[in-house]
Amino acid sequence: MKLFIKTILLTIIVFSYSCTGNDSYFEQITKVKTINERVLDLNKSLTEVRKSEKKSSLVKEDEDYLEYEYPIGDNDSYKTTYFFDAAGCYEVGLDTYFSLENDAVDVLNEIKAVFENHPDFGTPSNTNSLYEWNSKDGLVSVELDYVNQDRGMISLTIFANQ
């Protein structure tokens, strides 16, 4: 009987652990859509972007704006925003709201690495807690603001330059 109870307890512990997952915050953010996919959302229509996000995470929609909020970790979240004009999406934002600074630092470093390793972007300028990139063709600008990373907040903004 004791063996049976121990087996059940072990099964519950293993099951509980496997359900919480070990994905980093960056991995959780990029499960919905990668950073490169967010860059490719520029110039897409509102309808196209809406179809590529999770409908249940939509928190606000206007004729020229979409906002999604995704839970992450235990009590944290991130938001993605999209602004549109007649030509399509001209701005994509990703803002984090984390309890711990180290989670923000980890996500900041991962996002920075995506752009540094991308052949169209490379090394950013860095002034006043703001990394900035311009694509080689000049069509895309990227800002990664980390002035409030000590409060768990970073802000990625991707702009269409046309």
Protein backbone atom coordinates (compact mmCIF):
# COMPACT_ATOMS: atom_id res chain seq x y z
CA MET A 1 0.00 0.00 0.00
CA LYS A 2 2.87 2.39 0.84
CA LEU A 3 4.44 1.69 -2.54
CA PHE A 4 1.16 2.50 -4.25
CA ILE A 5 0.87 5.86 -2.42
CA LYS A 6 4.51 6.71 -3.20
CA THR A 7 3.93 5.89 -6.87
CA ILE A 8 0.85 8.12 -7.01
CA LEU A 9 2.67 10.99 -5.28
CA LEU A 10 5.63 10.67 -7.63
CA THR A 11 3.30 10.65 -10.63
CA ILE A 12 1.55 13.82 -9.40
CA ILE A 13 4.87 15.58 -8.82
CA VAL A 14 6.21 14.62 -12.26
CA PHE A 15 2.96 15.63 -13.94
CA SER A 16 2.85 18.97 -12.11
CA TYR A 17 6.44 19.74 -13.03
CA SER A 18 5.94 18.86 -16.69
CA CYS A 19 2.88 21.10 -16.95
CA THR A 20 4.71 24.19 -15.71
CA GLY A 21 7.39 23.89 -18.38
CA ASN A 22 10.93 25.18 -18.34
CA ASP A 23 10.79 27.56 -21.31
CA SER A 24 12.57 30.86 -20.84
CA TYR A 25 10.51 34.03 -21.09
CA PHE A 26 11.99 34.67 -24.54
CA GLU A 27 10.99 31.17 -25.69
CA GLN A 28 7.47 31.73 -24.38
CA ILE A 29 7.24 35.10 -26.19
CA THR A 30 8.46 33.66 -29.47
CA LYS A 31 6.12 30.66 -29.37
CA VAL A 32 3.29 32.94 -30.45
CA LYS A 33 5.36 34.68 -33.11
CA THR A 34 9.12 35.07 -33.59
CA ILE A 35 10.80 38.47 -33.59
CA ASN A 36 11.54 38.06 -37.32
CA GLU A 37 7.86 37.29 -37.95
CA ARG A 38 6.94 40.51 -36.17
CA VAL A 39 9.27 42.43 -38.52
CA LEU A 40 7.54 40.74 -41.46
CA ASP A 41 4.15 41.97 -40.14
CA LEU A 42 5.04 45.44 -41.37
CA ASN A 43 2.83 46.52 -44.28
CA LYS A 44 0.34 43.68 -43.69
CA SER A 45 -3.34 44.50 -43.37
CA LEU A 46 -5.15 44.54 -40.03
CA THR A 47 -7.03 41.41 -41.10
CA GLU A 48 -3.81 39.53 -41.93
CA VAL A 49 -2.22 40.45 -38.60
CA ARG A 50 -5.38 39.61 -36.64
CA LYS A 51 -5.38 36.11 -38.17
CA SER A 52 -1.77 35.52 -37.08
CA GLU A 53 -2.29 36.33 -33.37
CA LYS A 54 -4.28 34.47 -30.72
CA LYS A 55 -7.86 35.71 -30.83
CA SER A 56 -8.36 35.07 -27.11
CA SER A 57 -5.50 37.48 -26.28
CA LEU A 58 -7.00 40.46 -28.13
CA VAL A 59 -7.68 43.24 -25.59
CA LYS A 60 -8.34 46.21 -27.88
CA GLU A 61 -9.20 46.73 -31.53
CA ASP A 62 -9.90 49.91 -33.49
CA GLU A 63 -9.92 50.54 -37.22
CA ASP A 64 -6.18 51.31 -37.11
CA TYR A 65 -4.98 49.53 -33.97
CA LEU A 66 -4.69 46.05 -32.44
CA GLU A 67 -3.49 45.21 -28.93
CA TYR A 68 -2.84 41.75 -27.52
CA GLU A 69 -1.82 40.76 -24.02
CA TYR A 70 -0.23 37.43 -23.20
CA PRO A 71 0.41 36.01 -19.73
CA ILE A 72 3.89 34.70 -19.12
CA GLY A 73 5.38 32.98 -16.11
CA ASP A 74 3.34 33.14 -12.93
CA ASN A 75 2.29 36.81 -12.69
CA ASP A 76 3.96 38.51 -15.66
CA SER A 77 2.82 39.48 -19.14
CA TYR A 78 3.77 41.11 -22.40
CA LYS A 79 1.75 43.16 -24.88
CA THR A 80 2.00 43.39 -28.62
CA THR A 81 0.55 46.36 -30.46
CA TYR A 82 0.03 47.11 -34.12
CA PHE A 83 -0.69 50.48 -35.77
CA PHE A 84 -2.14 50.68 -39.28
CA ASP A 85 -2.69 53.23 -42.03
CA ALA A 86 -3.88 52.88 -45.63
CA ALA A 87 -0.62 51.10 -46.60
CA GLY A 88 -0.92 48.52 -43.81
CA CYS A 89 0.93 47.98 -40.54
CA TYR A 90 3.51 50.72 -39.99
CA GLU A 91 4.46 49.99 -36.37
CA VAL A 92 4.76 46.85 -34.25
CA GLY A 93 5.37 47.07 -30.51
CA LEU A 94 6.26 44.47 -27.90
CA ASP A 95 6.32 45.61 -24.26
CA THR A 96 7.20 43.44 -21.26
CA TYR A 97 5.82 43.68 -17.74
CA PHE A 98 7.92 41.36 -15.59
CA SER A 99 8.31 41.19 -11.81
CA LEU A 100 12.04 40.52 -11.97
CA GLU A 101 14.76 42.57 -13.62
CA ASN A 102 16.74 39.47 -14.63
CA ASP A 103 13.81 38.23 -16.75
CA ALA A 104 13.78 41.57 -18.59
CA VAL A 105 17.57 41.48 -19.02
CA ASP A 106 17.41 37.94 -20.46
CA VAL A 107 14.68 38.89 -22.96
CA LEU A 108 16.52 42.12 -23.85
CA ASN A 109 19.72 40.19 -24.62
CA GLU A 110 17.86 37.58 -26.69
CA ILE A 111 16.05 40.22 -28.77
CA LYS A 112 19.29 42.17 -29.21
CA ALA A 113 21.01 39.00 -30.44
CA VAL A 114 18.24 38.39 -33.01
CA PHE A 115 18.93 41.75 -34.65
CA GLU A 116 22.71 41.65 -34.24
CA ASN A 117 22.81 38.26 -35.97
CA HIS A 118 20.37 39.25 -38.71
CA PRO A 119 22.19 40.06 -41.98
CA ASP A 120 19.98 43.11 -42.61
CA PHE A 121 20.59 44.78 -39.23
CA GLY A 122 23.91 44.00 -37.47
CA THR A 123 25.41 46.14 -34.69
CA PRO A 124 23.09 48.72 -33.11
CA SER A 125 23.79 52.21 -31.90
CA ASN A 126 23.29 52.51 -28.14
CA THR A 127 22.43 55.86 -26.58
CA ASN A 128 20.42 56.65 -23.45
CA SER A 129 19.38 53.03 -22.80
CA LEU A 130 18.09 52.66 -26.34
CA TYR A 131 19.43 50.28 -28.97
CA GLU A 132 18.65 51.37 -32.54
CA TRP A 133 18.97 49.53 -35.84
CA ASN A 134 18.18 50.47 -39.43
CA SER A 135 17.88 47.81 -42.08
CA LYS A 136 20.47 47.94 -44.85
CA ASP A 137 17.78 48.84 -47.38
CA GLY A 138 16.47 51.61 -45.10
CA LEU A 139 12.91 50.25 -45.08
CA VAL A 140 12.81 49.17 -41.40
CA SER A 141 13.89 50.86 -38.17
CA VAL A 142 14.02 49.11 -34.81
CA GLU A 143 14.24 50.54 -31.29
CA LEU A 144 14.83 48.46 -28.16
CA ASP A 145 14.30 50.61 -25.08
CA TYR A 146 15.66 49.28 -21.79
CA VAL A 147 15.58 52.40 -19.59
CA ASN A 148 13.13 50.65 -17.21
CA GLN A 149 14.60 47.15 -17.28
CA ASP A 150 15.26 47.41 -13.54
CA ARG A 151 11.45 47.41 -13.17
CA GLY A 152 11.05 44.44 -15.54
CA MET A 153 10.07 46.55 -18.54
CA ILE A 154 11.59 46.62 -22.00
CA SER A 155 10.01 47.97 -25.15
CA LEU A 156 10.67 46.80 -28.70
CA THR A 157 9.31 48.98 -31.51
CA ILE A 158 9.60 48.09 -35.19
CA PHE A 159 8.82 50.80 -37.77
CA ALA A 160 8.17 50.73 -41.51
CA ASN A 161 10.07 53.65 -43.09
CA GLN A 162 7.91 54.13 -46.16
